[in-house]
C-alpha atoms as a PDB file:
ATOM      1  CA  MET A   1      -0.041   0.076  -0.033  1.00  0.00           C
ATOM      2  CA  THR A   2       1.132   3.521  -0.625  1.00  0.00           C
ATOM      3  CA  SER A   3       1.079   6.191   2.050  1.00  0.00           C
ATOM      4  CA  SER A   4      -2.281   7.459   0.744  1.00  0.00           C
ATOM      5  CA  GLY A   5      -3.853   3.945   0.898  1.00  0.00           C
ATOM      6  CA  GLU A   6      -3.853   3.250  -2.694  1.00  0.00           C
ATOM      7  CA  THR A   7      -2.882  -0.290  -3.815  1.00  0.00           C
ATOM      8  CA  ALA A   8       0.534   0.107  -5.386  1.00  0.00           C
ATOM      9  CA  VAL A   9      -0.214  -2.150  -8.366  1.00  0.00           C
ATOM     10  CA  PRO A  10      -3.791  -1.232  -9.353  1.00  0.00           C
ATOM     11  CA  ASP A  11      -3.646  -2.954 -12.755  1.00  0.00           C
ATOM     12  CA  ASP A  12      -4.346  -6.598 -12.028  1.00  0.00           C
ATOM     13  CA  ASP A  13      -3.482  -7.532 -15.700  1.00  0.00           C
ATOM     14  CA  GLY A  14      -0.142  -5.860 -15.254  1.00  0.00           C
ATOM     15  CA  LEU A  15       0.646  -7.677 -12.035  1.00  0.00           C
ATOM     16  CA  LEU A  16      -0.315 -10.983 -13.462  1.00  0.00           C
ATOM     17  CA  GLY A  17       1.651 -10.468 -16.620  1.00  0.00           C
ATOM     18  CA  SER A  18       4.769  -9.576 -14.618  1.00  0.00           C
ATOM     19  CA  LEU A  19       4.455 -12.670 -12.562  1.00  0.00           C
ATOM     20  CA  ARG A  20       3.815 -14.795 -15.625  1.00  0.00           C
ATOM     21  CA  TYR A  21       7.023 -13.584 -17.210  1.00  0.00           C
ATOM     22  CA  LEU A  22       8.887 -14.058 -13.962  1.00  0.00           C
ATOM     23  CA  PHE A  23       8.123 -17.755 -13.880  1.00  0.00           C
ATOM     24  CA  ALA A  24       8.489 -18.176 -17.489  1.00  0.00           C
ATOM     25  CA  ASP A  25      11.975 -16.676 -17.322  1.00  0.00           C
ATOM     26  CA  ILE A  26      13.000 -19.190 -14.608  1.00  0.00           C
ATOM     27  CA  ILE A  27      11.553 -22.243 -16.461  1.00  0.00           C
ATOM     28  CA  GLY A  28      13.238 -20.777 -19.513  1.00  0.00           C
ATOM     29  CA  ASP A  29      12.556 -20.893 -23.173  1.00  0.00           C
ATOM     30  CA  GLU A  30      15.268 -18.933 -24.731  1.00  0.00           C
ATOM     31  CA  ASP A  31      15.004 -20.660 -28.137  1.00  0.00           C
ATOM     32  CA  GLU A  32      12.316 -18.175 -28.876  1.00  0.00           C
ATOM     33  CA  GLY A  33      13.225 -15.173 -31.068  1.00  0.00           C
ATOM     34  CA  PRO A  34      12.882 -11.597 -29.882  1.00  0.00           C
ATOM     35  CA  PRO A  35       9.395 -10.235 -29.458  1.00  0.00           C
ATOM     36  CA  VAL A  36       7.970  -8.250 -32.469  1.00  0.00           C
ATOM     37  CA  LEU A  37       6.963  -4.614 -32.362  1.00  0.00           C
ATOM     38  CA  PRO A  38       3.491  -3.939 -31.310  1.00  0.00           C
ATOM     39  CA  ASP A  39       0.947  -3.525 -34.138  1.00  0.00           C
ATOM     40  CA  ALA A  40       0.528   0.157 -35.156  1.00  0.00           C
ATOM     41  CA  CYS A  41       3.829   1.154 -33.595  1.00  0.00           C
ATOM     42  CA  PRO A  42       4.950   4.231 -35.591  1.00  0.00           C
ATOM     43  CA  ALA A  43       7.615   3.203 -38.204  1.00  0.00           C
ATOM     44  CA  HIS A  44      10.039   5.817 -37.051  1.00  0.00           C
ATOM     45  CA  LEU A  45      10.018   4.556 -33.536  1.00  0.00           C
ATOM     46  CA  GLY A  46      10.961   1.074 -34.674  1.00  0.00           C
ATOM     47  CA  PRO A  47      14.687   1.287 -34.314  1.00  0.00           C
ATOM     48  CA  ALA A  48      14.477   2.802 -30.832  1.00  0.00           C
ATOM     49  CA  VAL A  49      11.987   0.125 -29.661  1.00  0.00           C
ATOM     50  CA  ARG A  50      14.107  -2.589 -31.237  1.00  0.00           C
ATOM     51  CA  ASP A  51      17.127  -1.351 -29.381  1.00  0.00           C
ATOM     52  CA  ALA A  52      15.123  -1.410 -26.139  1.00  0.00           C
ATOM     53  CA  ILE A  53      14.009  -5.066 -26.889  1.00  0.00           C
ATOM     54  CA  HIS A  54      17.593  -6.068 -27.405  1.00  0.00           C
ATOM     55  CA  LEU A  55      18.660  -4.283 -24.238  1.00  0.00           C
ATOM     56  CA  MET A  56      15.893  -6.149 -22.282  1.00  0.00           C
ATOM     57  CA  ILE A  57      17.195  -9.443 -23.793  1.00  0.00           C
ATOM     58  CA  GLU A  58      20.816  -8.645 -22.750  1.00  0.00           C
ATOM     59  CA  TYR A  59      19.666  -7.320 -19.372  1.00  0.00           C
ATOM     60  CA  GLN A  60      17.422 -10.337 -18.488  1.00  0.00           C
ATOM     61  CA  SER A  61      15.881 -12.578 -21.184  1.00  0.00           C
ATOM     62  CA  THR A  62      13.520 -12.693 -24.260  1.00  0.00           C
ATOM     63  CA  LYS A  63      10.589 -13.115 -21.863  1.00  0.00           C
ATOM     64  CA  TYR A  64      11.540  -9.908 -20.086  1.00  0.00           C
ATOM     65  CA  ALA A  65      11.633  -8.136 -23.489  1.00  0.00           C
ATOM     66  CA  GLN A  66       8.162  -9.468 -24.183  1.00  0.00           C
ATOM     67  CA  LEU A  67       7.018  -7.930 -20.870  1.00  0.00           C
ATOM     68  CA  TYR A  68       8.383  -4.610 -22.135  1.00  0.00           C
ATOM     69  CA  VAL A  69       6.533  -4.926 -25.461  1.00  0.00           C
ATOM     70  CA  ASP A  70       3.359  -5.829 -23.681  1.00  0.00           C
ATOM     71  CA  ARG A  71       3.638  -2.876 -21.380  1.00  0.00           C
ATOM     72  CA  LEU A  72       4.257  -0.521 -24.338  1.00  0.00           C
ATOM     73  CA  ARG A  73       1.345  -2.054 -26.176  1.00  0.00           C
ATOM     74  CA  ARG A  74      -1.054  -0.503 -23.725  1.00  0.00           C
ATOM     75  CA  PHE A  75      -0.323   2.958 -25.252  1.00  0.00           C
ATOM     76  CA  VAL A  76       0.206   2.150 -28.915  1.00  0.00           C
ATOM     77  CA  GLY A  77      -2.616   3.631 -30.744  1.00  0.00           C
ATOM     78  CA  ARG A  78      -4.109   4.950 -27.585  1.00  0.00           C
ATOM     79  CA  ARG A  79      -6.214   8.157 -28.006  1.00  0.00           C
ATOM     80  CA  GLY A  80      -4.239  11.213 -26.707  1.00  0.00           C
ATOM     81  CA  VAL A  81      -0.899   9.503 -27.095  1.00  0.00           C
ATOM     82  CA  ASP A  82       1.058  11.115 -29.961  1.00  0.00           C
ATOM     83  CA  ASP A  83       4.294   9.798 -31.454  1.00  0.00           C
ATOM     84  CA  ALA A  84       6.557  11.952 -29.190  1.00  0.00           C
ATOM     85  CA  MET A  85       4.687  10.787 -26.064  1.00  0.00           C
ATOM     86  CA  LEU A  86       4.895   7.116 -27.015  1.00  0.00           C
ATOM     87  CA  ALA A  87       8.608   7.537 -27.731  1.00  0.00           C
ATOM     88  CA  ASP A  88       9.135   9.040 -24.320  1.00  0.00           C
ATOM     89  CA  ILE A  89       7.234   6.180 -22.673  1.00  0.00           C
ATOM     90  CA  ALA A  90       9.193   3.558 -24.608  1.00  0.00           C
ATOM     91  CA  ARG A  91      12.592   5.261 -23.685  1.00  0.00           C
ATOM     92  CA  LEU A  92      11.863   5.867 -19.998  1.00  0.00           C
ATOM     93  CA  MET A  93      10.309   2.414 -19.435  1.00  0.00           C
ATOM     94  CA  ALA A  94      13.344   0.835 -21.036  1.00  0.00           C
ATOM     95  CA  GLU A  95      15.724   2.795 -18.707  1.00  0.00           C
ATOM     96  CA  ARG A  96      13.672   1.864 -15.648  1.00  0.00           C
ATOM     97  CA  MET A  97      13.298  -1.766 -16.507  1.00  0.00           C
ATOM     98  CA  ALA A  98      17.091  -1.936 -17.037  1.00  0.00           C
ATOM     99  CA  TYR A  99      17.752  -0.514 -13.588  1.00  0.00           C
ATOM    100  CA  GLU A 100      21.284  -0.375 -12.278  1.00  0.00           C
ATOM    101  CA  ASP A 101      22.038  -3.087  -9.717  1.00  0.00           C
ATOM    102  CA  PRO A 102      25.308  -4.793  -9.032  1.00  0.00           C
ATOM    103  CA  ILE A 103      24.391  -7.477 -11.645  1.00  0.00           C
ATOM    104  CA  ARG A 104      23.869  -4.828 -14.270  1.00  0.00           C
ATOM    105  CA  LEU A 105      27.152  -3.052 -13.470  1.00  0.00           C
ATOM    106  CA  ALA A 106      28.914  -6.364 -13.900  1.00  0.00           C
ATOM    107  CA  GLN A 107      27.133  -6.894 -17.322  1.00  0.00           C
ATOM    108  CA  VAL A 108      28.257  -3.412 -18.467  1.00  0.00           C
ATOM    109  CA  LYS A 109      31.931  -4.089 -17.393  1.00  0.00           C
ATOM    110  CA  LEU A 110      31.969  -7.411 -19.224  1.00  0.00           C
ATOM    111  CA  ALA A 111      30.694  -5.712 -22.332  1.00  0.00           C
ATOM    112  CA  GLU A 112      33.834  -3.495 -22.329  1.00  0.00           C
ATOM    113  CA  VAL A 113      35.898  -6.631 -22.301  1.00  0.00           C
ATOM    114  CA  SER A 114      33.984  -8.003 -25.300  1.00  0.00           C
ATOM    115  CA  ALA A 115      34.479  -4.686 -27.061  1.00  0.00           C
ATOM    116  CA  THR A 116      38.105  -4.078 -26.342  1.00  0.00           C
ATOM    117  CA  GLY A 117      39.502  -7.450 -25.295  1.00  0.00           C
ATOM    118  CA  LEU A 118      41.276  -8.378 -22.126  1.00  0.00           C
ATOM    119  CA  ALA A 119      44.574  -7.018 -23.364  1.00  0.00           C
ATOM    120  CA  ALA A 120      43.305  -3.429 -23.393  1.00  0.00           C
ATOM    121  CA  ARG A 121      43.241  -2.270 -19.739  1.00  0.00           C
ATOM    122  CA  SER A 122      40.214  -0.390 -18.652  1.00  0.00           C
ATOM    123  CA  ALA A 123      39.906   1.731 -15.655  1.00  0.00           C
ATOM    124  CA  ASP A 124      38.304  -0.023 -12.517  1.00  0.00           C
ATOM    125  CA  ASP A 125      34.949   1.192 -11.627  1.00  0.00           C
ATOM    126  CA  VAL A 126      34.413   1.617  -7.813  1.00  0.00           C
ATOM    127  CA  LYS A 127      30.763   2.050  -6.867  1.00  0.00           C
ATOM    128  CA  GLN A 128      29.275   2.700  -3.396  1.00  0.00           C
ATOM    129  CA  PHE A 129      26.218   0.855  -2.336  1.00  0.00           C
ATOM    130  CA  ARG A 130      24.379   0.507   0.880  1.00  0.00           C
ATOM    131  CA  LEU A 131      24.483  -2.823   2.430  1.00  0.00           C
ATOM    132  CA  ASP A 132      20.640  -3.312   2.096  1.00  0.00           C
ATOM    133  CA  GLU A 133      20.909  -2.367  -1.529  1.00  0.00           C
ATOM    134  CA  LEU A 134      23.347  -5.225  -2.163  1.00  0.00           C
ATOM    135  CA  ILE A 135      21.203  -7.710  -0.193  1.00  0.00           C
ATOM    136  CA  ASP A 136      18.159  -6.587  -2.084  1.00  0.00           C
ATOM    137  CA  ALA A 137      19.707  -7.961  -5.295  1.00  0.00           C
ATOM    138  CA  LEU A 138      19.465 -11.429  -3.757  1.00  0.00           C
ATOM    139  CA  PRO A 139      16.380 -13.615  -3.848  1.00  0.00           C
ATOM    140  CA  ALA A 140      14.020 -12.596  -1.139  1.00  0.00           C
ATOM    141  CA  VAL A 141      14.104 -15.986   0.641  1.00  0.00           C
ATOM    142  CA  ILE A 142      17.870 -15.282   1.200  1.00  0.00           C
ATOM    143  CA  ALA A 143      17.622 -11.511   1.547  1.00  0.00           C
ATOM    144  CA  ASP A 144      14.898 -11.259   4.120  1.00  0.00           C
ATOM    145  CA  PRO A 145      16.746 -12.965   7.001  1.00  0.00           C
ATOM    146  CA  ILE A 146      19.926 -11.079   6.245  1.00  0.00           C
ATOM    147  CA  LEU A 147      18.086  -7.689   6.190  1.00  0.00           C
ATOM    148  CA  GLY A 148      16.676  -8.664   9.587  1.00  0.00           C
ATOM    149  CA  LEU A 149      20.177  -9.007  10.965  1.00  0.00           C
ATOM    150  CA  LEU A 150      21.255  -5.848   9.412  1.00  0.00           C
ATOM    151  CA  ASP A 151      18.334  -4.129  11.216  1.00  0.00           C
ATOM    152  CA  TRP A 152      19.375  -5.720  14.351  1.00  0.00           C
ATOM    153  CA  PHE A 153      22.985  -4.548  14.144  1.00  0.00           C
ATOM    154  CA  GLY A 154      21.973  -1.164  12.774  1.00  0.00           C
ATOM    155  CA  TRP A 155      23.887  -1.732   9.648  1.00  0.00           C
ATOM    156  CA  ARG A 156      21.321  -1.453   6.928  1.00  0.00           C
ATOM    157  CA  ARG A 157      22.491   2.015   5.758  1.00  0.00           C
ATOM    158  CA  ARG A 158      26.170   1.200   6.074  1.00  0.00           C
ATOM    159  CA  ARG A 159      27.977   1.921   2.766  1.00  0.00           C
ATOM    160  CA  VAL A 160      30.227  -0.520   0.993  1.00  0.00           C
ATOM    161  CA  SER A 161      32.566   0.090  -1.921  1.00  0.00           C
ATOM    162  CA  ILE A 162      32.473  -2.536  -4.741  1.00  0.00           C
ATOM    163  CA  ARG A 163      35.266  -2.702  -7.415  1.00  0.00           C
ATOM    164  CA  PHE A 164      34.108  -3.689 -10.876  1.00  0.00           C
ATOM    165  CA  SER A 165      37.428  -4.607 -12.672  1.00  0.00           C
ATOM    166  CA  ALA A 166      38.243  -6.410 -15.951  1.00  0.00           C
ATOM    167  CA  ASN A 167      41.964  -6.181 -15.761  1.00  0.00           C
ATOM    168  CA  SER A 168      42.744  -9.760 -15.083  1.00  0.00           C
ATOM    169  CA  ARG A 169      41.380 -13.272 -15.852  1.00  0.00           C
ATOM    170  CA  PHE A 170      40.423 -13.667 -12.312  1.00  0.00           C
ATOM    171  CA  SER A 171      38.474 -10.283 -12.187  1.00  0.00           C
ATOM    172  CA  VAL A 172      36.678 -11.150 -15.468  1.00  0.00           C
ATOM    173  CA  ARG A 173      35.729 -14.533 -13.996  1.00  0.00           C
ATOM    174  CA  ARG A 174      34.308 -12.773 -10.979  1.00  0.00           C
ATOM    175  CA  LEU A 175      32.375 -10.461 -13.204  1.00  0.00           C
ATOM    176  CA  ARG A 176      30.931 -13.473 -15.085  1.00  0.00           C
ATOM    177  CA  ILE A 177      29.806 -14.943 -11.813  1.00  0.00           C
ATOM    178  CA  GLU A 178      28.245 -11.698 -10.746  1.00  0.00           C
ATOM    179  CA  ALA A 179      26.492 -11.143 -14.121  1.00  0.00           C
ATOM    180  CA  GLY A 180      25.232 -14.741 -14.064  1.00  0.00           C
ATOM    181  CA  LEU A 181      23.073 -13.890 -11.055  1.00  0.00           C
ATOM    182  CA  LYS A 182      20.624 -12.267 -13.404  1.00  0.00           C
ATOM    183  CA  ARG A 183      18.752 -15.576 -13.449  1.00  0.00           C
ATOM    184  CA  TRP A 184      17.707 -14.875  -9.851  1.00  0.00           C
ATOM    185  CA  ARG A 185      17.083 -11.190 -10.306  1.00  0.00           C
ATOM    186  CA  LEU A 186      13.360 -11.609 -10.893  1.00  0.00           C
ATOM    187  CA  PHE A 187      13.135 -13.316  -7.455  1.00  0.00           C
ATOM    188  CA  SER A 188      14.895 -10.425  -5.719  1.00  0.00           C
ATOM    189  CA  ASN A 189      13.489  -7.683  -3.346  1.00  0.00           C
ATOM    190  CA  ARG A 190      14.702  -5.045  -5.673  1.00  0.00           C
ATOM    191  CA  TYR A 191      12.789  -6.431  -8.703  1.00  0.00           C
ATOM    192  CA  ALA A 192       9.617  -6.716  -6.737  1.00  0.00           C
ATOM    193  CA  LYS A 193       9.982  -3.034  -5.937  1.00  0.00           C
ATOM    194  CA  GLU A 194      10.744  -2.059  -9.448  1.00  0.00           C
ATOM    195  CA  ARG A 195       7.858  -3.983 -10.872  1.00  0.00           C
ATOM    196  CA  VAL A 196       5.482  -2.238  -8.462  1.00  0.00           C
ATOM    197  CA  TRP A 197       6.967   1.074  -9.440  1.00  0.00           C
ATOM    198  CA  VAL A 198       6.711   0.574 -13.233  1.00  0.00           C
ATOM    199  CA  GLU A 199       3.115  -0.624 -12.990  1.00  0.00           C
ATOM    200  CA  ARG A 200       2.146   2.325 -10.851  1.00  0.00           C
ATOM    201  CA  TRP A 201       3.857   4.762 -13.130  1.00  0.00           C
ATOM    202  CA  LEU A 202       2.100   3.296 -16.109  1.00  0.00           C
ATOM    203  CA  HIS A 203      -1.231   3.443 -14.188  1.00  0.00           C
ATOM    204  CA  MET A 204      -0.761   7.100 -13.460  1.00  0.00           C
ATOM    205  CA  ILE A 205      -0.016   7.816 -17.091  1.00  0.00           C
ATOM    206  CA  ASP A 206      -3.265   6.015 -17.953  1.00  0.00           C
ATOM    207  CA  ARG A 207      -5.235   7.980 -15.354  1.00  0.00           C
ATOM    208  CA  SER A 208      -3.809  11.235 -16.512  1.00  0.00           C
ATOM    209  CA  LEU A 209      -4.792  10.440 -20.131  1.00  0.00           C
ATOM    210  CA  THR A 210      -8.367   9.859 -18.918  1.00  0.00           C
ATOM    211  CA  LYS A 211      -8.712  12.652 -16.226  1.00  0.00           C
ATOM    212  CA  GLN A 212      -6.300  15.373 -17.242  1.00  0.00           C
ATOM    213  CA  PRO A 213      -4.757  14.800 -20.652  1.00  0.00           C
ATOM    214  CA  ALA A 214      -2.661  17.980 -20.578  1.00  0.00           C
ATOM    215  CA  ALA A 215      -0.716  16.637 -17.670  1.00  0.00           C
ATOM    216  CA  ALA A 216       0.171  13.227 -19.244  1.00  0.00           C
ATOM    217  CA  SER A 217       3.561  14.290 -20.482  1.00  0.00           C
ATOM    218  CA  ALA A 218       4.606  15.736 -17.152  1.00  0.00           C
ATOM    219  CA  VAL A 219       3.486  12.420 -15.556  1.00  0.00           C
ATOM    220  CA  ILE A 220       5.508  10.464 -17.994  1.00  0.00           C
ATOM    221  CA  HIS A 221       8.608  12.493 -17.339  1.00  0.00           C
ATOM    222  CA  THR A 222       8.483  11.984 -13.586  1.00  0.00           C
ATOM    223  CA  ALA A 223      10.363   8.781 -14.358  1.00  0.00           C
ATOM    224  CA  THR A 224      13.473  10.895 -14.825  1.00  0.00           C
ATOM    225  CA  MET A 225      13.352  11.555 -11.007  1.00  0.00           C
ATOM    226  CA  ILE A 226      14.660   7.999 -10.462  1.00  0.00           C
ATOM    227  CA  ARG A 227      18.214   7.239 -11.531  1.00  0.00           C
ATOM    228  CA  GLY A 228      21.135   5.027 -10.611  1.00  0.00           C
ATOM    229  CA  TYR A 229      21.647   3.430  -7.105  1.00  0.00           C
ATOM    230  CA  GLY A 230      22.430   4.318  -3.586  1.00  0.00           C
ATOM    231  CA  GLU A 231      21.181   7.438  -1.947  1.00  0.00           C
ATOM    232  CA  PRO A 232      20.217   9.325  -5.115  1.00  0.00           C
ATOM    233  CA  TYR A 233      18.010   6.454  -6.134  1.00  0.00           C
ATOM    234  CA  ARG A 234      16.243   6.291  -2.801  1.00  0.00           C
ATOM    235  CA  GLN A 235      15.816   9.970  -2.636  1.00  0.00           C
ATOM    236  CA  GLY A 236      14.315  10.007  -6.175  1.00  0.00           C
ATOM    237  CA  ILE A 237      11.828   7.167  -5.279  1.00  0.00           C
ATOM    238  CA  ALA A 238      10.775   8.917  -2.053  1.00  0.00           C
ATOM    239  CA  ASP A 239      10.275  12.223  -3.929  1.00  0.00           C
ATOM    240  CA  TRP A 240       8.291  10.586  -6.701  1.00  0.00           C
ATOM    241  CA  HIS A 241       5.863   8.989  -4.332  1.00  0.00           C
ATOM    242  CA  ALA A 242       5.479  12.200  -2.444  1.00  0.00           C
ATOM    243  CA  ILE A 243       4.512  14.127  -5.656  1.00  0.00           C
ATOM    244  CA  ILE A 244       2.188  11.300  -6.968  1.00  0.00           C
ATOM    245  CA  ASP A 245       0.395  10.777  -3.534  1.00  0.00           C
ATOM    246  CA  GLY A 246       0.237  14.569  -2.793  1.00  0.00           C
ATOM    247  CA  LEU A 247      -0.756  15.957  -6.086  1.00  0.00           C
ATOM    248  CA  ALA A 248      -1.534  13.504  -8.956  1.00  0.00           C
ATOM    249  CA  LYS A 249      -3.506  10.833  -7.386  1.00  0.00           C
ATOM    250  CA  PRO A 250      -5.855  13.201  -5.357  1.00  0.00           C
ATOM    251  CA  THR A 251      -6.418  15.145  -8.618  1.00  0.00           C
ATOM    252  CA  PHE A 252      -7.320  11.964 -10.480  1.00  0.00           C
ATOM    253  CA  ASP A 253      -9.499  10.797  -7.597  1.00  0.00           C
ATOM    254  CA  GLY A 254     -11.344  14.195  -7.752  1.00  0.00           C
ATOM    255  CA  VAL A 255     -10.345  15.027  -4.219  1.00  0.00           C
ATOM    256  CA  LEU A 256      -8.153  17.919  -5.226  1.00  0.00           C
ATOM    257  CA  ALA A 257      -9.403  20.358  -7.783  1.00  0.00           C
ATOM    258  CA  LEU A 258      -6.045  21.124  -9.308  1.00  0.00           C
ATOM    259  CA  PRO A 259      -6.619  22.666 -12.807  1.00  0.00           C
ATOM    260  CA  ASP A 260      -2.981  22.548 -13.921  1.00  0.00           C
ATOM    261  CA  LEU A 261      -1.432  19.418 -12.763  1.00  0.00           C
ATOM    262  CA  ALA A 262       1.508  19.603 -15.124  1.00  0.00           C
ATOM    263  CA  GLY A 263       2.501  22.959 -13.658  1.00  0.00           C
ATOM    264  CA  ALA A 264       2.023  21.768 -10.125  1.00  0.00           C
ATOM    265  CA  ILE A 265       4.316  18.731 -10.785  1.00  0.00           C
ATOM    266  CA  ALA A 266       6.953  21.041 -12.330  1.00  0.00           C
ATOM    267  CA  GLU A 267       6.732  23.414  -9.246  1.00  0.00           C
ATOM    268  CA  ALA A 268       7.062  20.614  -6.835  1.00  0.00           C
ATOM    269  CA  ARG A 269       9.999  18.984  -8.672  1.00  0.00           C
ATOM    270  CA  ALA A 270      11.828  22.263  -8.689  1.00  0.00           C
ATOM    271  CA  ALA A 271      11.466  22.346  -4.879  1.00  0.00           C
ATOM    272  CA  ALA A 272      12.914  18.786  -4.410  1.00  0.00           C
ATOM    273  CA  MET A 273      16.308  18.663  -2.644  1.00  0.00           C
ATOM    274  CA  PRO A 274      18.661  15.953  -1.710  1.00  0.00           C
ATOM    275  CA  ASP A 275      17.088  15.840   1.811  1.00  0.00           C
ATOM    276  CA  PRO A 276      15.926  12.496   3.320  1.00  0.00           C
ATOM    277  CA  ARG A 277      13.240  14.398   5.346  1.00  0.00           C
ATOM    278  CA  GLN A 278      11.873  15.995   2.102  1.00  0.00           C
ATOM    279  CA  ALA A 279      11.207  19.300   4.059  1.00  0.00           C
ATOM    280  CA  ALA A 280      11.256  21.649   1.104  1.00  0.00           C
ATOM    281  CA  LEU A 281       9.343  19.296  -1.067  1.00  0.00           C
ATOM    282  CA  LYS A 282       6.572  18.638   1.488  1.00  0.00           C
ATOM    283  CA  ARG A 283       6.226  22.378   2.146  1.00  0.00           C
ATOM    284  CA  LYS A 284       5.947  23.081  -1.549  1.00  0.00           C
ATOM    285  CA  ILE A 285       3.211  20.339  -1.949  1.00  0.00           C
ATOM    286  CA  ALA A 286       1.326  21.675   0.977  1.00  0.00           C
ATOM    287  CA  GLU A 287       1.512  25.214  -0.439  1.00  0.00           C
ATOM    288  CA  ILE A 288       0.122  24.031  -3.765  1.00  0.00           C
ATOM    289  CA  ARG A 289      -2.696  22.080  -2.181  1.00  0.00           C
ATOM    290  CA  ALA A 290      -3.582  25.020  -0.040  1.00  0.00           C
ATOM    291  CA  ARG A 291      -4.166  27.071  -3.172  1.00  0.00           C
ATOM    292  CA  VAL A 292      -7.145  24.913  -4.420  1.00  0.00           C
ATOM    293  CA  PRO A 293     -10.218  23.608  -2.805  1.00  0.00           C
ATOM    294  CA  VAL A 294     -10.280  20.006  -1.350  1.00  0.00           C
ATOM    295  CA  THR A 295     -13.458  18.150  -1.992  1.00  0.00           C
ATOM    296  CA  PRO A 296     -14.759  14.958  -0.426  1.00  0.00           C
ATOM    297  CA  ALA A 297     -13.667  11.650  -1.982  1.00  0.00           C
ATOM    298  CA  ARG A 298     -16.197  10.322  -4.475  1.00  0.00           C
END
């Protein structure tokens, strides 16, 4: 549940689809070819969508790429969705579905080896993660007890530096082991959270197209608030939910008579600061809400 009481995955078909692809990916049928573009997809978007499909296959599997296509299909040919808007949904959804976790960073580093060869030395990449972020990349059955221990010791937020190196056969072998963990990614705590977020983002786009079409582009671009890993990622997620729960959802529910949701989202985003307490953002959202009447929920 979100802080406003809304179920985080309101689209049952989206949830069931995600679960179907999760189990299909584990059972595996990688002999299938890549999924085809959705019918009626504009021709000029074809190359970008095909690139996204190949990214999903590299990142996870052909089944994961099919999930991407099925999610995108909801908006192909949809009234109120022009080519530019569809291109933004396709691009931002691909970026979010290929989220950066330690497995992905190992994949990227291995790709450098494939491109340049082991003989060409590349700079080591040292990334900082929180302990709970590393554990969240594991299957939940393993991660949950470990997270409980981290809470008990007060270590959940402790930072750890991880070196991603491809400068020796041993380091490349380690990268391959780390990248090979992608088979378990769909059972991880992190994937569960990302699946919920993507489905809610798509649901908010859908509601905006129905309730306030002029704000749809602003809702789509809220995805750019969430990037990378570590504290910036967590801050972005928290700020996104604050804006959606404080402004977008009440407007779509008819509780908040906000005539210019797009402008309100832009105003709130400008107030967001790298502050775990979200003091400036919460003040701005309260200020925006105070300017318009609040009506009883329907």
